[in-house]
Amino acid sequence: MILKALYNYYFRCREIYGDQIPPLGFERRTMEYVILISKEGVFKKVITDQDSFVPRATPNKTSGVEPNILWDSAKYMLNYDDSGEIPNKYNDHCKSIVDIVCELSSNYPDNNGFRALNLFYSKKEYKNKKLLNDPLYPRIIQSKAISFKVLGEIGLVCSYSEELQSYILKRNDNNPKERCLITGNKASIVMTTGGFSLGMANNGKVVSFQKDSGYDSQGKQQCANAPMSTEAEFAYTQALKMLSESERNSVIQFR
């Protein structure tokens, strides 16, 4: 009942406050550094601190899981080497990001941001000496949240768009399909759930199952033991985030 109430709360907030509430699959986050590139993918300059709705961070992030979509730590976004000359422990993760960019550019060829970022990587502009010699580069490479912006475009490449949301939702279609315990509908379910900040906990969770925990039911693993659709899991998690920030973010206070 609590999860269903949180699910309804998220959609009620969306109904009342519209674009002030993150769309499905997205979260509000500040990019510490933004790499400005031309439509041809050429590095131009670095700007700082831009707030936007971006694809939600990957839950339980480790080196063995998928990267965030179009934004991430600088060590993942700028540390790619496809020549094999500079082996590093981040390269597989970097390649996954480049593959996502390539897929987005191919699926949505009219999107200037996807196309420009694909050119940035294909031209190896992450090795551009102008970028490497930028006074901010030592700090950029330590950043946990960077993305890109194209000259002449309003939002970041990772900012909410119908194309990007469609891509995220289609990726979720690859997940197992079960009947969601929150909505009652059969849909693609999540295997791990997102967290939220609560007091000292930076990754608090209402529903969570450790892998191979000994509590698996009928051969099911992780959150398949309590199946929730990707939509429902996002909605209740986002509702919890809004409630935990309610003193600082009055937008979620119902009139």
Protein backbone atom coordinates (compact mmCIF):
# COMPACT_ATOMS: atom_id res chain seq x y z
CA MET A 1 0.00 0.00 0.00
CA ILE A 2 2.84 2.40 0.83
CA LEU A 3 4.57 1.79 -2.50
CA LYS A 4 1.29 2.28 -4.37
CA ALA A 5 0.68 5.55 -2.49
CA LEU A 6 4.16 6.77 -3.41
CA TYR A 7 3.58 5.73 -7.04
CA ASN A 8 0.34 7.75 -7.12
CA TYR A 9 2.05 10.67 -5.40
CA TYR A 10 4.68 10.95 -8.14
CA PHE A 11 2.10 11.05 -10.92
CA ARG A 12 -0.06 13.49 -8.95
CA CYS A 13 2.95 15.80 -8.66
CA ARG A 14 3.56 15.50 -12.38
CA GLU A 15 -0.08 16.35 -13.02
CA ILE A 16 0.02 19.46 -10.81
CA TYR A 17 3.55 20.75 -11.39
CA GLY A 18 4.30 19.36 -14.85
CA ASP A 19 7.83 20.01 -16.05
CA GLN A 20 9.06 20.93 -12.57
CA ILE A 21 9.02 17.20 -11.73
CA PRO A 22 11.50 14.82 -13.44
CA PRO A 23 9.93 12.78 -16.28
CA LEU A 24 10.01 8.98 -16.14
CA GLY A 25 13.60 7.76 -16.30
CA PHE A 26 15.17 11.12 -15.41
CA GLU A 27 16.39 12.97 -12.34
CA ARG A 28 17.44 16.53 -11.57
CA ARG A 29 21.21 16.77 -11.28
CA THR A 30 23.91 19.38 -11.60
CA MET A 31 26.74 18.62 -14.01
CA GLU A 32 29.91 19.86 -12.33
CA TYR A 33 31.59 20.39 -15.68
CA VAL A 34 30.20 20.60 -19.20
CA ILE A 35 32.34 20.08 -22.29
CA LEU A 36 31.22 22.48 -25.02
CA ILE A 37 31.62 21.07 -28.53
CA SER A 38 30.74 22.22 -32.04
CA LYS A 39 28.16 20.53 -34.26
CA GLU A 40 31.15 18.83 -35.89
CA GLY A 41 32.17 17.34 -32.53
CA VAL A 42 35.22 19.58 -32.01
CA PHE A 43 36.13 20.63 -28.46
CA LYS A 44 35.61 24.34 -27.78
CA LYS A 45 35.75 25.07 -24.06
CA VAL A 46 34.70 23.99 -20.58
CA ILE A 47 31.81 25.50 -18.65
CA THR A 48 30.71 24.70 -15.09
CA ASP A 49 27.65 23.95 -13.00
CA GLN A 50 24.65 23.37 -15.25
CA ASP A 51 21.46 21.95 -13.74
CA SER A 52 19.19 19.74 -15.83
CA PHE A 53 16.93 16.69 -15.98
CA VAL A 54 19.28 13.88 -16.99
CA PRO A 55 18.89 10.07 -17.28
CA ARG A 56 18.74 8.59 -13.81
CA ALA A 57 22.04 7.26 -12.47
CA THR A 58 22.51 3.51 -12.72
CA PRO A 59 21.43 1.86 -9.44
CA ASN A 60 24.16 0.14 -7.39
CA LYS A 61 26.86 1.34 -9.72
CA THR A 62 30.02 -0.76 -9.89
CA SER A 63 32.58 -1.36 -12.60
CA GLY A 64 30.58 -4.37 -13.75
CA VAL A 65 27.31 -2.63 -14.60
CA GLU A 66 26.08 -0.36 -17.35
CA PRO A 67 27.23 3.26 -17.31
CA ASN A 68 24.97 6.26 -16.98
CA ILE A 69 23.54 7.50 -20.25
CA LEU A 70 25.37 10.50 -21.78
CA TRP A 71 26.77 11.70 -18.43
CA ASP A 72 29.07 10.12 -15.91
CA SER A 73 32.39 10.44 -14.10
CA ALA A 74 35.09 12.07 -16.18
CA LYS A 75 37.20 8.92 -15.86
CA TYR A 76 34.49 7.16 -17.90
CA MET A 77 33.56 9.98 -20.29
CA LEU A 78 37.08 11.18 -21.17
CA ASN A 79 39.37 8.24 -20.49
CA TYR A 80 38.63 6.16 -23.59
CA ASP A 81 41.39 4.60 -25.65
CA ASP A 82 40.50 2.32 -28.55
CA SER A 83 44.09 1.78 -29.71
CA GLY A 84 45.15 -0.46 -26.86
CA GLU A 85 48.13 1.81 -26.24
CA ILE A 86 46.92 3.06 -22.86
CA PRO A 87 45.41 0.11 -20.98
CA ASN A 88 43.33 1.20 -18.02
CA LYS A 89 40.74 -0.34 -15.78
CA TYR A 90 38.10 2.09 -17.00
CA ASN A 91 38.35 1.32 -20.71
CA ASP A 92 35.55 -1.26 -20.89
CA HIS A 93 33.22 1.18 -19.17
CA CYS A 94 34.34 3.95 -21.53
CA LYS A 95 33.66 1.72 -24.52
CA SER A 96 30.14 1.06 -23.25
CA ILE A 97 29.50 4.81 -23.20
CA VAL A 98 30.85 5.22 -26.73
CA ASP A 99 28.61 2.34 -27.88
CA ILE A 100 25.56 4.06 -26.35
CA VAL A 101 26.45 7.32 -28.11
CA CYS A 102 26.88 5.49 -31.42
CA GLU A 103 23.54 3.71 -30.98
CA LEU A 104 21.71 6.94 -30.15
CA SER A 105 23.26 8.73 -33.12
CA SER A 106 22.24 5.89 -35.42
CA ASN A 107 18.69 5.59 -34.06
CA TYR A 108 18.02 9.33 -34.00
CA PRO A 109 20.06 10.86 -36.85
CA ASP A 110 18.20 14.20 -36.67
CA ASN A 111 19.29 14.84 -33.09
CA ASN A 112 22.14 17.36 -33.25
CA GLY A 113 23.44 16.51 -29.79
CA PHE A 114 23.73 12.75 -30.37
CA ARG A 115 25.38 13.29 -33.74
CA ALA A 116 27.89 15.86 -32.45
CA LEU A 117 28.87 13.70 -29.47
CA ASN A 118 29.35 10.69 -31.75
CA LEU A 119 31.68 12.82 -33.87
CA PHE A 120 33.53 13.95 -30.72
CA TYR A 121 34.40 10.34 -29.94
CA SER A 122 35.06 9.24 -33.52
CA LYS A 123 37.49 12.16 -33.93
CA LYS A 124 39.09 11.33 -30.55
CA GLU A 125 38.53 14.88 -29.36
CA TYR A 126 38.88 13.62 -25.78
CA LYS A 127 42.61 13.68 -26.61
CA ASN A 128 42.47 17.26 -27.93
CA LYS A 129 45.48 19.12 -26.50
CA LYS A 130 43.35 22.19 -25.96
CA LEU A 131 41.16 20.14 -23.61
CA LEU A 132 44.07 18.37 -21.92
CA ASN A 133 45.82 21.70 -21.32
CA ASP A 134 42.72 23.49 -20.03
CA PRO A 135 43.40 24.93 -16.53
CA LEU A 136 40.33 23.11 -15.23
CA TYR A 137 41.33 19.70 -16.63
CA PRO A 138 43.01 18.39 -13.41
CA ARG A 139 39.72 19.06 -11.60
CA ILE A 140 37.53 17.86 -14.48
CA ILE A 141 39.16 14.44 -14.57
CA GLN A 142 38.29 13.98 -10.88
CA SER A 143 34.66 15.00 -11.37
CA LYS A 144 31.84 12.51 -10.88
CA ALA A 145 29.34 14.36 -13.08
CA ILE A 146 30.26 15.71 -16.50
CA SER A 147 28.43 15.87 -19.79
CA PHE A 148 28.42 17.73 -23.10
CA LYS A 149 26.69 20.64 -24.76
CA VAL A 150 26.60 21.58 -28.43
CA LEU A 151 27.17 25.19 -29.50
CA GLY A 152 23.85 26.77 -30.39
CA GLU A 153 21.76 24.22 -28.46
CA ILE A 154 19.82 25.18 -25.32
CA GLY A 155 20.11 21.99 -23.26
CA LEU A 156 22.85 19.47 -22.58
CA VAL A 157 23.23 16.41 -24.78
CA CYS A 158 22.02 14.39 -21.79
CA SER A 159 19.06 16.67 -21.01
CA TYR A 160 15.53 15.31 -21.28
CA SER A 161 14.20 14.85 -24.82
CA GLU A 162 11.52 12.61 -26.28
CA GLU A 163 14.20 10.72 -28.21
CA LEU A 164 16.29 10.07 -25.12
CA GLN A 165 13.29 8.99 -23.05
CA SER A 166 12.18 6.66 -25.84
CA TYR A 167 15.66 5.10 -25.90
CA ILE A 168 15.65 4.57 -22.13
CA LEU A 169 12.21 2.95 -22.14
CA LYS A 170 13.16 0.66 -25.02
CA ARG A 171 16.25 -0.50 -23.14
CA ASN A 172 14.00 -1.50 -20.26
CA ASP A 173 12.03 -3.76 -22.61
CA ASN A 174 14.96 -6.18 -22.49
CA ASN A 175 14.33 -6.87 -18.79
CA PRO A 176 12.30 -9.93 -17.66
CA LYS A 177 8.53 -9.43 -17.72
CA GLU A 178 6.44 -10.19 -14.63
CA ARG A 179 3.27 -8.89 -12.99
CA CYS A 180 4.16 -5.71 -11.09
CA LEU A 181 3.21 -5.87 -7.41
CA ILE A 182 2.49 -2.11 -7.40
CA THR A 183 0.35 -1.64 -10.52
CA GLY A 184 -0.85 -5.19 -11.10
CA ASN A 185 0.17 -4.96 -14.76
CA LYS A 186 2.54 -7.31 -16.53
CA ALA A 187 5.59 -5.35 -17.61
CA SER A 188 9.38 -5.26 -17.73
CA ILE A 189 10.70 -5.38 -14.17
CA VAL A 190 13.82 -4.06 -12.45
CA MET A 191 16.44 -6.36 -10.93
CA THR A 192 17.94 -3.66 -8.68
CA THR A 193 16.24 -0.59 -7.25
CA GLY A 194 17.34 3.02 -7.05
CA GLY A 195 18.15 4.72 -3.78
CA PHE A 196 17.67 8.12 -2.20
CA SER A 197 19.37 10.22 0.47
CA LEU A 198 17.90 9.96 3.94
CA GLY A 199 19.86 11.30 6.89
CA MET A 200 23.29 9.70 6.90
CA ALA A 201 22.33 7.17 4.22
CA ASN A 202 23.22 8.23 0.68
CA ASN A 203 21.61 5.21 -0.95
CA GLY A 204 18.58 4.38 1.17
CA LYS A 205 16.17 1.82 -0.23
CA VAL A 206 12.68 0.62 0.63
CA VAL A 207 12.96 -2.61 -1.38
CA SER A 208 16.27 -4.37 -1.90
CA PHE A 209 17.55 -7.94 -2.35
CA GLN A 210 21.17 -8.97 -2.29
CA LYS A 211 22.27 -11.27 -5.06
CA ASP A 212 22.38 -14.93 -3.95
CA SER A 213 21.18 -13.88 -0.51
CA GLY A 214 19.56 -17.19 0.38
CA TYR A 215 16.09 -15.66 0.32
CA ASP A 216 15.43 -16.32 -3.36
CA SER A 217 11.98 -17.72 -4.08
CA GLN A 218 11.46 -20.45 -6.67
CA GLY A 219 14.77 -19.74 -8.38
CA LYS A 220 14.16 -16.00 -8.74
CA GLN A 221 17.00 -13.57 -8.17
CA GLN A 222 17.25 -10.10 -6.63
CA CYS A 223 14.16 -7.91 -7.16
CA ALA A 224 12.41 -10.61 -9.17
CA ASN A 225 11.40 -11.85 -5.70
CA ALA A 226 9.21 -8.74 -5.42
CA PRO A 227 8.62 -7.79 -9.07
CA MET A 228 8.18 -4.11 -9.84
CA SER A 229 7.90 -2.56 -13.27
CA THR A 230 10.57 -0.07 -14.31
CA GLU A 231 7.90 2.64 -14.35
CA ALA A 232 6.60 1.84 -10.85
CA GLU A 233 10.08 1.53 -9.32
CA PHE A 234 11.12 4.88 -10.77
CA ALA A 235 7.90 6.59 -9.64
CA TYR A 236 8.02 5.50 -6.00
CA THR A 237 11.78 6.15 -5.74
CA GLN A 238 11.37 9.64 -7.18
CA ALA A 239 8.48 10.29 -4.79
CA LEU A 240 10.71 9.38 -1.85
CA LYS A 241 13.41 11.74 -3.11
CA MET A 242 10.91 14.58 -3.37
CA LEU A 243 9.54 13.92 0.10
CA SER A 244 13.01 13.72 1.65
CA GLU A 245 13.82 17.11 0.09
CA SER A 246 10.44 18.70 0.86
CA GLU A 247 11.85 21.32 3.28
CA ARG A 248 14.22 22.54 0.58
CA ASN A 249 11.96 21.94 -2.40
CA SER A 250 8.49 23.35 -1.84
CA VAL A 251 7.38 22.31 -5.32
CA ILE A 252 6.16 18.96 -3.97
CA GLN A 253 3.92 20.54 -1.34
CA PHE A 254 0.31 20.05 -2.44
CA ARG A 255 -1.81 23.18 -2.49
